[in-house]
Amino acid sequence: MSTANNGGISASTLNFPQGIYSDGTNLFVSDASNNRVLIWNSIPTASGTAATGVFGQPDFVASSANSGGYSATSLYAPYGLTGDGTKLFIGDINNYRILVTPMPN
């Protein structure tokens, strides 16, 4: 049986993933209960591949809502994702907004 953040929160674990978006090179997954978006700089070819970047948290082990305070880089339960190649659009449900940010990497 799988559990949230199996083995602890890290670049390889998720807690309530809700959205996924790819620009053909990068992969973005909204990890709602960890209040972050995980980023892979290439499309993973195996389950459990560690993410290479994170948006919404200062590192891969933080998970608090609006870490560092409400801002243009904080998230509180991100859900849907999409992009246009230069910007990423994040449905930040508990902050009641669509966050528009330059495509993180």
N, C-alpha and C. Protein backbone atom coordinates (compact mmCIF):
# COMPACT_ATOMS: atom_id res chain seq x y z
N MET A 1 0.83 -1.18 0.00
CA MET A 1 0.00 0.00 0.00
C MET A 1 0.88 1.24 0.00
N SER A 2 0.55 2.20 -0.79
CA SER A 2 1.29 3.45 -0.86
C SER A 2 0.77 4.43 0.18
N THR A 3 1.67 5.27 0.66
CA THR A 3 1.28 6.30 1.61
C THR A 3 1.83 7.64 1.13
N ALA A 4 1.23 8.72 1.61
CA ALA A 4 1.72 10.06 1.25
C ALA A 4 3.15 10.23 1.75
N ASN A 5 3.99 10.83 0.93
CA ASN A 5 5.38 11.08 1.29
C ASN A 5 6.06 9.83 1.84
N ASN A 6 5.81 8.70 1.20
CA ASN A 6 6.35 7.42 1.65
C ASN A 6 7.86 7.53 1.86
N GLY A 7 8.30 7.34 3.11
CA GLY A 7 9.71 7.47 3.44
C GLY A 7 10.10 8.87 3.85
N GLY A 8 9.15 9.80 3.85
CA GLY A 8 9.43 11.20 4.22
C GLY A 8 9.37 12.10 3.01
N ILE A 9 9.09 13.36 3.25
CA ILE A 9 8.99 14.33 2.15
C ILE A 9 10.37 14.53 1.52
N SER A 10 10.39 14.48 0.18
CA SER A 10 11.65 14.59 -0.56
C SER A 10 11.34 14.97 -2.01
N ALA A 11 12.38 14.99 -2.81
CA ALA A 11 12.23 15.27 -4.24
C ALA A 11 11.59 14.10 -4.99
N SER A 12 11.42 12.97 -4.30
CA SER A 12 10.86 11.77 -4.94
C SER A 12 9.49 11.39 -4.42
N THR A 13 8.92 12.19 -3.52
CA THR A 13 7.63 11.82 -2.93
C THR A 13 6.57 12.88 -3.19
N LEU A 14 5.32 12.44 -3.09
CA LEU A 14 4.18 13.31 -3.33
C LEU A 14 3.13 13.10 -2.24
N ASN A 15 2.32 14.13 -2.05
CA ASN A 15 1.20 14.05 -1.12
C ASN A 15 0.03 14.77 -1.77
N PHE A 16 -0.84 14.01 -2.40
CA PHE A 16 -2.04 14.51 -3.08
C PHE A 16 -1.70 15.27 -4.37
N PRO A 17 -1.01 14.60 -5.32
CA PRO A 17 -0.74 15.25 -6.60
C PRO A 17 -2.04 15.51 -7.34
N GLN A 18 -2.17 16.71 -7.90
CA GLN A 18 -3.43 17.11 -8.52
C GLN A 18 -3.33 17.51 -9.98
N GLY A 19 -2.25 18.13 -10.38
CA GLY A 19 -2.15 18.61 -11.75
C GLY A 19 -0.83 18.23 -12.37
N ILE A 20 -0.84 18.14 -13.68
CA ILE A 20 0.38 17.80 -14.40
C ILE A 20 0.41 18.61 -15.70
N TYR A 21 1.60 19.09 -16.05
CA TYR A 21 1.77 19.85 -17.29
C TYR A 21 3.18 19.58 -17.81
N SER A 22 3.31 19.46 -19.09
CA SER A 22 4.62 19.35 -19.72
C SER A 22 4.68 20.28 -20.91
N ASP A 23 5.83 20.92 -21.08
CA ASP A 23 6.05 21.75 -22.26
C ASP A 23 6.78 20.96 -23.34
N GLY A 24 6.87 19.65 -23.16
CA GLY A 24 7.55 18.78 -24.11
C GLY A 24 8.96 18.44 -23.67
N THR A 25 9.53 19.23 -22.80
CA THR A 25 10.86 18.98 -22.26
C THR A 25 10.79 18.82 -20.75
N ASN A 26 10.18 19.79 -20.08
CA ASN A 26 10.05 19.79 -18.62
C ASN A 26 8.71 19.21 -18.22
N LEU A 27 8.67 18.64 -17.00
CA LEU A 27 7.44 18.13 -16.43
C LEU A 27 7.18 18.86 -15.13
N PHE A 28 5.94 19.29 -14.91
CA PHE A 28 5.53 20.01 -13.71
C PHE A 28 4.36 19.24 -13.08
N VAL A 29 4.44 18.99 -11.77
CA VAL A 29 3.37 18.29 -11.05
C VAL A 29 3.00 19.10 -9.82
N SER A 30 1.72 19.46 -9.70
CA SER A 30 1.28 20.16 -8.49
C SER A 30 1.07 19.12 -7.39
N ASP A 31 1.73 19.35 -6.27
CA ASP A 31 1.73 18.47 -5.11
C ASP A 31 0.96 19.20 -4.02
N ALA A 32 -0.38 19.09 -4.07
CA ALA A 32 -1.27 19.96 -3.31
C ALA A 32 -1.02 19.96 -1.80
N SER A 33 -0.93 18.80 -1.18
CA SER A 33 -0.79 18.78 0.27
C SER A 33 0.61 19.12 0.76
N ASN A 34 1.58 19.15 -0.15
CA ASN A 34 2.92 19.63 0.20
C ASN A 34 3.10 21.10 -0.22
N ASN A 35 2.03 21.69 -0.78
CA ASN A 35 2.03 23.11 -1.13
C ASN A 35 3.20 23.50 -2.03
N ARG A 36 3.37 22.72 -3.09
CA ARG A 36 4.50 22.95 -4.00
C ARG A 36 4.20 22.42 -5.39
N VAL A 37 5.03 22.81 -6.33
CA VAL A 37 5.05 22.24 -7.66
C VAL A 37 6.42 21.63 -7.85
N LEU A 38 6.46 20.34 -8.16
CA LEU A 38 7.74 19.69 -8.44
C LEU A 38 8.04 19.81 -9.93
N ILE A 39 9.32 19.94 -10.25
CA ILE A 39 9.76 20.18 -11.62
C ILE A 39 10.82 19.15 -11.99
N TRP A 40 10.66 18.56 -13.16
CA TRP A 40 11.69 17.69 -13.73
C TRP A 40 12.17 18.37 -15.00
N ASN A 41 13.49 18.53 -15.15
CA ASN A 41 14.05 19.20 -16.33
C ASN A 41 14.07 18.31 -17.56
N SER A 42 13.67 17.07 -17.40
CA SER A 42 13.44 16.17 -18.53
C SER A 42 12.32 15.22 -18.10
N ILE A 43 11.66 14.63 -19.06
CA ILE A 43 10.55 13.74 -18.76
C ILE A 43 11.11 12.48 -18.10
N PRO A 44 10.66 12.15 -16.88
CA PRO A 44 11.16 10.94 -16.22
C PRO A 44 10.81 9.69 -17.01
N THR A 45 11.69 8.70 -16.95
CA THR A 45 11.44 7.44 -17.65
C THR A 45 11.17 6.30 -16.68
N ALA A 46 11.19 6.60 -15.37
CA ALA A 46 10.92 5.57 -14.36
C ALA A 46 10.19 6.19 -13.18
N SER A 47 9.36 5.40 -12.53
CA SER A 47 8.67 5.85 -11.32
C SER A 47 9.70 6.14 -10.23
N GLY A 48 9.42 7.14 -9.41
CA GLY A 48 10.30 7.46 -8.29
C GLY A 48 11.48 8.34 -8.65
N THR A 49 11.56 8.79 -9.90
CA THR A 49 12.66 9.67 -10.30
C THR A 49 12.57 10.98 -9.53
N ALA A 50 13.67 11.40 -8.92
CA ALA A 50 13.68 12.63 -8.12
C ALA A 50 13.49 13.85 -9.01
N ALA A 51 12.70 14.78 -8.51
CA ALA A 51 12.52 16.07 -9.21
C ALA A 51 13.84 16.84 -9.17
N THR A 52 14.01 17.73 -10.13
CA THR A 52 15.22 18.55 -10.18
C THR A 52 15.00 19.96 -9.67
N GLY A 53 13.73 20.33 -9.47
CA GLY A 53 13.42 21.67 -8.97
C GLY A 53 12.11 21.67 -8.21
N VAL A 54 11.91 22.74 -7.44
CA VAL A 54 10.68 22.89 -6.67
C VAL A 54 10.26 24.35 -6.69
N PHE A 55 8.96 24.60 -6.80
CA PHE A 55 8.41 25.95 -6.74
C PHE A 55 7.39 25.98 -5.62
N GLY A 56 7.43 27.01 -4.79
CA GLY A 56 6.47 27.16 -3.71
C GLY A 56 7.04 26.82 -2.34
N GLN A 57 8.20 26.19 -2.32
CA GLN A 57 8.89 25.85 -1.08
C GLN A 57 10.38 26.19 -1.23
N PRO A 58 11.08 26.44 -0.12
CA PRO A 58 12.50 26.79 -0.21
C PRO A 58 13.39 25.60 -0.55
N ASP A 59 12.88 24.36 -0.33
CA ASP A 59 13.66 23.16 -0.60
C ASP A 59 12.70 21.98 -0.73
N PHE A 60 13.26 20.78 -0.92
CA PHE A 60 12.42 19.60 -1.14
C PHE A 60 11.82 19.02 0.13
N VAL A 61 12.21 19.48 1.32
CA VAL A 61 11.69 18.89 2.55
C VAL A 61 10.71 19.80 3.29
N ALA A 62 10.54 21.03 2.85
CA ALA A 62 9.56 21.94 3.44
C ALA A 62 8.19 21.68 2.81
N SER A 63 7.13 21.92 3.58
CA SER A 63 5.79 21.68 3.01
C SER A 63 4.71 22.60 3.58
N SER A 64 5.07 23.61 4.35
CA SER A 64 4.04 24.43 4.97
C SER A 64 3.35 25.33 3.95
N ALA A 65 2.09 25.61 4.20
CA ALA A 65 1.32 26.50 3.33
C ALA A 65 1.93 27.90 3.37
N ASN A 66 2.05 28.51 2.21
CA ASN A 66 2.61 29.86 2.10
C ASN A 66 3.92 30.00 2.85
N SER A 67 4.80 29.04 2.64
CA SER A 67 6.11 29.05 3.29
C SER A 67 6.81 30.39 3.07
N GLY A 68 7.20 31.05 4.15
CA GLY A 68 7.81 32.37 4.05
C GLY A 68 6.80 33.49 3.98
N GLY A 69 5.51 33.16 4.02
CA GLY A 69 4.46 34.18 3.94
C GLY A 69 3.82 34.22 2.55
N TYR A 70 2.64 34.77 2.48
CA TYR A 70 1.91 34.90 1.21
C TYR A 70 2.71 35.79 0.26
N SER A 71 3.01 35.27 -0.93
CA SER A 71 3.80 36.02 -1.90
C SER A 71 3.60 35.46 -3.30
N ALA A 72 4.33 36.01 -4.24
CA ALA A 72 4.28 35.54 -5.62
C ALA A 72 5.01 34.22 -5.82
N THR A 73 5.66 33.72 -4.77
CA THR A 73 6.35 32.43 -4.87
C THR A 73 5.87 31.42 -3.84
N SER A 74 4.77 31.75 -3.13
CA SER A 74 4.24 30.81 -2.15
C SER A 74 2.97 30.17 -2.68
N LEU A 75 2.66 28.98 -2.17
CA LEU A 75 1.49 28.25 -2.60
C LEU A 75 0.76 27.67 -1.39
N TYR A 76 -0.55 27.49 -1.55
CA TYR A 76 -1.38 26.85 -0.54
C TYR A 76 -2.37 25.95 -1.26
N ALA A 77 -1.98 24.72 -1.45
CA ALA A 77 -2.77 23.69 -2.14
C ALA A 77 -2.90 23.96 -3.64
N PRO A 78 -1.78 23.93 -4.37
CA PRO A 78 -1.87 24.10 -5.82
C PRO A 78 -2.54 22.90 -6.48
N TYR A 79 -3.41 23.16 -7.42
CA TYR A 79 -4.12 22.09 -8.12
C TYR A 79 -3.75 22.06 -9.59
N GLY A 80 -4.52 22.73 -10.43
CA GLY A 80 -4.30 22.65 -11.86
C GLY A 80 -3.09 23.42 -12.33
N LEU A 81 -2.51 22.95 -13.43
CA LEU A 81 -1.34 23.59 -14.04
C LEU A 81 -1.53 23.66 -15.55
N THR A 82 -1.03 24.73 -16.13
CA THR A 82 -0.88 24.80 -17.57
C THR A 82 0.19 25.84 -17.85
N GLY A 83 0.58 25.96 -19.08
CA GLY A 83 1.61 26.93 -19.44
C GLY A 83 1.48 27.33 -20.89
N ASP A 84 2.29 28.32 -21.26
CA ASP A 84 2.31 28.77 -22.65
C ASP A 84 3.72 28.74 -23.23
N GLY A 85 4.64 28.07 -22.55
CA GLY A 85 6.03 28.00 -23.01
C GLY A 85 6.92 29.01 -22.34
N THR A 86 6.37 30.13 -21.89
CA THR A 86 7.16 31.13 -21.17
C THR A 86 6.64 31.38 -19.77
N LYS A 87 5.35 31.11 -19.54
CA LYS A 87 4.75 31.30 -18.22
C LYS A 87 4.06 30.02 -17.77
N LEU A 88 4.07 29.81 -16.45
CA LEU A 88 3.35 28.71 -15.84
C LEU A 88 2.16 29.29 -15.09
N PHE A 89 1.00 28.69 -15.25
CA PHE A 89 -0.23 29.13 -14.60
C PHE A 89 -0.62 28.07 -13.58
N ILE A 90 -0.72 28.45 -12.32
CA ILE A 90 -0.97 27.51 -11.23
C ILE A 90 -2.28 27.87 -10.54
N GLY A 91 -3.21 26.93 -10.50
CA GLY A 91 -4.44 27.12 -9.72
C GLY A 91 -4.11 26.92 -8.25
N ASP A 92 -3.97 28.02 -7.53
CA ASP A 92 -3.57 28.02 -6.12
C ASP A 92 -4.85 28.12 -5.28
N ILE A 93 -5.50 26.97 -5.07
CA ILE A 93 -6.89 26.93 -4.61
C ILE A 93 -7.14 27.59 -3.26
N ASN A 94 -6.32 27.36 -2.26
CA ASN A 94 -6.60 27.93 -0.94
C ASN A 94 -6.12 29.37 -0.79
N ASN A 95 -5.39 29.88 -1.77
CA ASN A 95 -5.09 31.32 -1.82
C ASN A 95 -6.06 32.03 -2.76
N TYR A 96 -7.00 31.29 -3.35
CA TYR A 96 -8.05 31.86 -4.20
C TYR A 96 -7.49 32.69 -5.35
N ARG A 97 -6.55 32.08 -6.07
CA ARG A 97 -5.93 32.82 -7.18
C ARG A 97 -5.39 31.86 -8.23
N ILE A 98 -5.14 32.44 -9.38
CA ILE A 98 -4.34 31.79 -10.40
C ILE A 98 -3.00 32.51 -10.36
N LEU A 99 -1.96 31.80 -9.99
CA LEU A 99 -0.64 32.40 -9.92
C LEU A 99 0.02 32.27 -11.28
N VAL A 100 0.50 33.38 -11.82
CA VAL A 100 1.18 33.40 -13.12
C VAL A 100 2.63 33.72 -12.83
N THR A 101 3.52 32.84 -13.26
CA THR A 101 4.94 33.02 -12.98
C THR A 101 5.76 32.68 -14.21
N PRO A 102 6.93 33.29 -14.38
CA PRO A 102 7.80 32.84 -15.46
C PRO A 102 8.06 31.34 -15.30
N MET A 103 8.22 30.65 -16.38
CA MET A 103 8.42 29.21 -16.35
C MET A 103 9.63 28.88 -15.46
N PRO A 104 9.39 28.28 -14.28
CA PRO A 104 10.52 27.93 -13.40
C PRO A 104 11.31 26.77 -13.98
N ASN A 105 12.56 26.66 -13.56
CA ASN A 105 13.37 25.51 -14.01
C ASN A 105 14.29 25.04 -12.93
